Amino acid sequence: TRRATTATLVAALVAPALALQRAPRPPRRSRRAPRASALAPRASAQDLLGEGNARYMNGDLDGARTKYAEGAAIEAFTSERVDCLVNLASVELDRGAEAEAETLYRRALAEAVERGNFFHVDAAQNLASLLQGQGGYERTREASLLYRDVVRADEDRWDAWCNLGAALVDAGAPKLDAIKCFQRGITRAEVLESDDGASPNLVRGIRASLADMYFGLGSCFAD
């Protein structure tokens, strides 16, 4: 398959775990009454991420874009700020702005590593999917390297395994490597599909993708 095999191109749409926050200090007294605008606390990246996700789920791309952009513009670094960047990129992708989406995914990946010392799996997988969908040797090869990083970080990402298999085929890698990737992806997908606790959306995504995954695997054996 040329694109990610699930419809989960937005990071952190499931409500993120809430970090405990310290109670804010009371404001210092002033002889002058504060302006009304000064009384309202500034929204955190976490708040803006949640608001953006709610708008995205309701189909309000413009509203989601505004909230994600506000969260991404907050100066203080948090993981939620990076999530806002990733989700902003995905909204831009939905709007057809692939170049802007690519820039934002790359920025999120870089900031996560340089400022947060962590690897953002969703940013990497979404960027890989974008590059793979565009085609061409260099972009397909970069996509395969990103997928490798994704499955190293989370070996249960069945869609990343299968897209890695497809990218390896397109990049001319040995068929045995692609076969192993398809097999791992299919195995993990079928385990999740049979899990009573799996979300209906996930199960539907897996069932819609299994035929493509088996086709990719069969094509490798046929060659």
Protein backbone atom coordinates (compact mmCIF):
# COMPACT_ATOMS: atom_id res chain seq x y z
CA THR A 1 0.00 0.00 0.00
CA ARG A 2 1.23 3.45 -0.89
CA ARG A 3 -0.17 5.32 2.07
CA ALA A 4 -0.56 4.48 5.74
CA THR A 5 -3.03 1.64 6.03
CA THR A 6 -5.11 3.22 8.77
CA ALA A 7 -6.92 6.51 8.99
CA THR A 8 -4.86 7.66 11.99
CA LEU A 9 -2.87 10.47 10.42
CA VAL A 10 -3.33 12.75 13.41
CA ALA A 11 -1.19 12.26 16.49
CA ALA A 12 -2.60 12.21 20.00
CA LEU A 13 -6.28 12.24 19.00
CA VAL A 14 -6.92 9.89 21.87
CA ALA A 15 -7.03 12.10 24.92
CA PRO A 16 -3.46 12.29 26.22
CA ALA A 17 -2.66 11.43 29.80
CA LEU A 18 -2.99 14.61 31.80
CA ALA A 19 0.11 15.78 33.61
CA LEU A 20 -0.39 17.03 37.13
CA GLN A 21 -0.16 20.79 37.25
CA ARG A 22 0.93 22.93 40.16
CA ALA A 23 -1.56 25.47 41.41
CA PRO A 24 -0.66 28.89 39.98
CA ARG A 25 0.72 31.50 42.33
CA PRO A 26 -1.74 34.22 43.29
CA PRO A 27 -1.11 37.47 41.41
CA ARG A 28 0.78 40.22 43.18
CA ARG A 29 -1.44 42.99 44.45
CA SER A 30 -1.51 46.18 42.46
CA ARG A 31 -3.03 49.51 43.27
CA ARG A 32 -4.46 49.66 39.82
CA ALA A 33 -7.22 47.28 38.81
CA PRO A 34 -5.90 44.84 36.22
CA ARG A 35 -7.25 44.95 32.70
CA ALA A 36 -9.88 42.34 31.91
CA SER A 37 -7.55 40.66 29.41
CA ALA A 38 -4.92 40.22 32.11
CA LEU A 39 -7.33 38.30 34.33
CA ALA A 40 -7.80 35.41 31.89
CA PRO A 41 -5.09 32.73 32.19
CA ARG A 42 -3.30 31.82 28.99
CA ALA A 43 -4.28 28.45 27.56
CA SER A 44 -1.61 25.77 27.80
CA ALA A 45 -0.46 23.62 24.89
CA GLN A 46 -2.27 20.73 26.54
CA ASP A 47 -5.55 22.68 26.60
CA LEU A 48 -5.14 23.84 23.01
CA LEU A 49 -4.31 20.31 21.88
CA GLY A 50 -7.52 19.02 23.44
CA GLU A 51 -9.58 21.83 21.91
CA GLY A 52 -8.00 21.25 18.52
CA ASN A 53 -8.68 17.51 18.72
CA ALA A 54 -12.33 18.12 19.58
CA ARG A 55 -12.72 20.40 16.58
CA TYR A 56 -10.91 17.97 14.30
CA MET A 57 -13.15 15.09 15.35
CA ASN A 58 -16.19 17.26 14.58
CA GLY A 59 -14.86 18.01 11.09
CA ASP A 60 -13.95 21.63 11.84
CA LEU A 61 -10.55 21.76 10.13
CA ASP A 62 -10.27 25.55 10.30
CA GLY A 63 -11.03 25.60 14.02
CA ALA A 64 -8.63 22.71 14.67
CA ARG A 65 -5.94 24.43 12.63
CA THR A 66 -6.29 27.61 14.71
CA LYS A 67 -6.01 25.78 18.04
CA TYR A 68 -3.08 23.60 16.94
CA ALA A 69 -1.25 26.66 15.60
CA GLU A 70 -1.76 28.47 18.90
CA GLY A 71 -0.43 25.47 20.82
CA ALA A 72 2.57 25.11 18.52
CA ALA A 73 3.39 28.81 18.96
CA ILE A 74 3.74 28.58 22.75
CA GLU A 75 7.34 29.30 23.63
CA ALA A 76 7.74 26.86 26.54
CA PHE A 77 8.61 23.35 25.36
CA THR A 78 6.27 20.47 26.23
CA SER A 79 5.41 17.20 24.50
CA GLU A 80 1.90 18.58 23.91
CA ARG A 81 3.42 21.49 22.01
CA VAL A 82 5.06 18.98 19.68
CA ASP A 83 1.76 17.09 19.36
CA CYS A 84 0.16 20.38 18.27
CA LEU A 85 2.81 20.68 15.56
CA VAL A 86 2.15 17.13 14.36
CA ASN A 87 -1.60 17.60 14.31
CA LEU A 88 -1.25 20.95 12.57
CA ALA A 89 0.77 19.17 9.89
CA SER A 90 -1.97 16.57 9.50
CA VAL A 91 -4.61 19.27 9.11
CA GLU A 92 -2.48 20.91 6.42
CA LEU A 93 -2.26 17.53 4.71
CA ASP A 94 -6.06 17.23 4.81
CA ARG A 95 -6.22 20.68 3.22
CA GLY A 96 -3.93 19.57 0.40
CA ALA A 97 -0.87 21.54 1.53
CA GLU A 98 1.68 18.71 1.36
CA ALA A 99 4.76 20.92 1.38
CA GLU A 100 3.62 22.72 4.53
CA ALA A 101 2.71 19.40 6.17
CA GLU A 102 6.16 17.97 5.40
CA THR A 103 7.87 21.03 6.88
CA LEU A 104 5.82 20.76 10.07
CA TYR A 105 6.40 17.02 10.48
CA ARG A 106 10.15 17.54 10.10
CA ARG A 107 10.07 20.41 12.58
CA ALA A 108 8.18 18.28 15.12
CA LEU A 109 10.67 15.42 14.75
CA ALA A 110 13.63 17.76 15.18
CA GLU A 111 12.17 19.62 18.18
CA ALA A 112 11.25 16.39 19.95
CA VAL A 113 14.83 15.14 19.67
CA GLU A 114 16.69 18.40 20.21
CA ARG A 115 14.55 19.93 22.97
CA GLY A 116 12.74 16.98 24.50
CA ASN A 117 15.24 14.15 23.93
CA PHE A 118 12.55 11.80 22.61
CA PHE A 119 11.50 10.29 19.30
CA HIS A 120 8.01 11.30 18.14
CA VAL A 121 6.65 8.11 16.60
CA ASP A 122 3.53 9.69 15.09
CA ALA A 123 5.48 12.47 13.40
CA ALA A 124 7.88 9.93 11.91
CA GLN A 125 5.15 7.61 10.68
CA ASN A 126 3.06 10.41 9.21
CA LEU A 127 6.08 11.89 7.44
CA ALA A 128 7.02 8.45 6.11
CA SER A 129 3.49 7.96 4.78
CA LEU A 130 3.59 11.35 3.06
CA LEU A 131 6.97 10.65 1.44
CA GLN A 132 5.96 7.15 0.40
CA GLY A 133 2.78 8.44 -1.21
CA GLN A 134 4.77 10.95 -3.26
CA GLY A 135 6.99 8.21 -4.67
CA GLY A 136 10.46 8.40 -6.19
CA TYR A 137 13.54 6.51 -5.05
CA GLU A 138 14.98 9.05 -2.59
CA ARG A 139 11.69 9.76 -0.86
CA THR A 140 10.73 6.08 -0.74
CA ARG A 141 14.14 5.23 0.73
CA GLU A 142 13.77 7.95 3.38
CA ALA A 143 10.28 6.65 4.16
CA SER A 144 11.68 3.15 4.70
CA LEU A 145 14.29 4.50 7.12
CA LEU A 146 11.61 6.37 9.06
CA TYR A 147 9.41 3.27 9.22
CA ARG A 148 12.39 1.32 10.58
CA ASP A 149 12.75 3.88 13.36
CA VAL A 150 9.02 3.66 14.08
CA VAL A 151 8.93 -0.12 14.48
CA ARG A 152 12.09 -0.01 16.59
CA ALA A 153 10.30 2.38 18.91
CA ASP A 154 6.97 0.52 18.83
CA GLU A 155 7.08 -2.99 17.38
CA ASP A 156 3.29 -3.33 17.57
CA ARG A 157 2.66 -0.77 14.83
CA TRP A 158 1.27 -3.19 12.29
CA ASP A 159 0.62 -0.52 9.66
CA ALA A 160 4.21 0.72 9.89
CA TRP A 161 5.50 -2.85 9.42
CA CYS A 162 3.40 -3.34 6.29
CA ASN A 163 4.21 0.07 4.84
CA LEU A 164 7.88 -0.65 5.51
CA GLY A 165 7.49 -3.85 3.50
CA ALA A 166 5.94 -1.92 0.61
CA ALA A 167 8.63 0.77 0.78
CA LEU A 168 11.39 -1.84 0.72
CA VAL A 169 9.86 -3.41 -2.39
CA ASP A 170 9.64 -0.02 -4.11
CA ALA A 171 13.22 0.81 -3.13
CA GLY A 172 14.52 -2.46 -4.60
CA ALA A 173 15.54 -4.04 -1.30
CA PRO A 174 15.80 -7.85 -0.99
CA LYS A 175 12.34 -9.45 -1.11
CA LEU A 176 13.06 -11.50 2.01
CA ASP A 177 13.29 -8.32 4.08
CA ALA A 178 9.95 -7.11 2.74
CA ILE A 179 8.34 -10.51 3.34
CA LYS A 180 9.40 -10.44 7.00
CA CYS A 181 7.91 -6.97 7.40
CA PHE A 182 4.58 -7.95 5.83
CA GLN A 183 4.41 -11.08 7.99
CA ARG A 184 5.09 -9.14 11.18
CA GLY A 185 2.51 -6.53 10.27
CA ILE A 186 -0.16 -9.08 9.40
CA THR A 187 0.49 -11.09 12.56
CA ARG A 188 0.20 -8.02 14.78
CA ALA A 189 -2.88 -6.76 12.93
CA GLU A 190 -4.70 -10.07 13.32
CA VAL A 191 -3.90 -10.21 17.03
CA LEU A 192 -5.38 -6.73 17.49
CA GLU A 193 -8.39 -7.56 15.33
CA SER A 194 -9.29 -10.47 17.60
CA ASP A 195 -8.80 -8.47 20.80
CA ASP A 196 -12.16 -7.87 22.49
CA GLY A 197 -10.80 -4.63 23.91
CA ALA A 198 -9.80 -3.14 20.54
CA SER A 199 -11.70 -0.03 19.45
CA PRO A 200 -14.25 -0.48 16.63
CA ASN A 201 -12.43 2.11 14.51
CA LEU A 202 -9.17 0.18 14.82
CA VAL A 203 -10.84 -3.11 13.92
CA ARG A 204 -12.50 -1.53 10.88
CA GLY A 205 -9.17 -0.08 9.77
CA ILE A 206 -7.44 -3.43 10.09
CA ARG A 207 -10.16 -5.31 8.20
CA ALA A 208 -10.10 -2.73 5.42
CA SER A 209 -6.33 -3.13 5.10
CA LEU A 210 -5.79 -6.88 5.43
CA ALA A 211 -6.44 -7.57 1.74
CA ASP A 212 -3.77 -5.03 0.73
CA MET A 213 -1.33 -6.49 3.23
CA TYR A 214 -1.83 -10.04 1.98
CA PHE A 215 -1.57 -8.81 -1.61
CA GLY A 216 1.79 -7.18 -0.82
CA LEU A 217 3.00 -10.35 0.83
CA GLY A 218 1.80 -12.54 -2.02
CA SER A 219 3.44 -10.29 -4.59
CA CYS A 220 6.78 -10.76 -2.88
CA PHE A 221 6.42 -14.54 -2.95
CA ALA A 222 5.33 -14.44 -6.60
CA ASP A 223 8.53 -12.62 -7.56
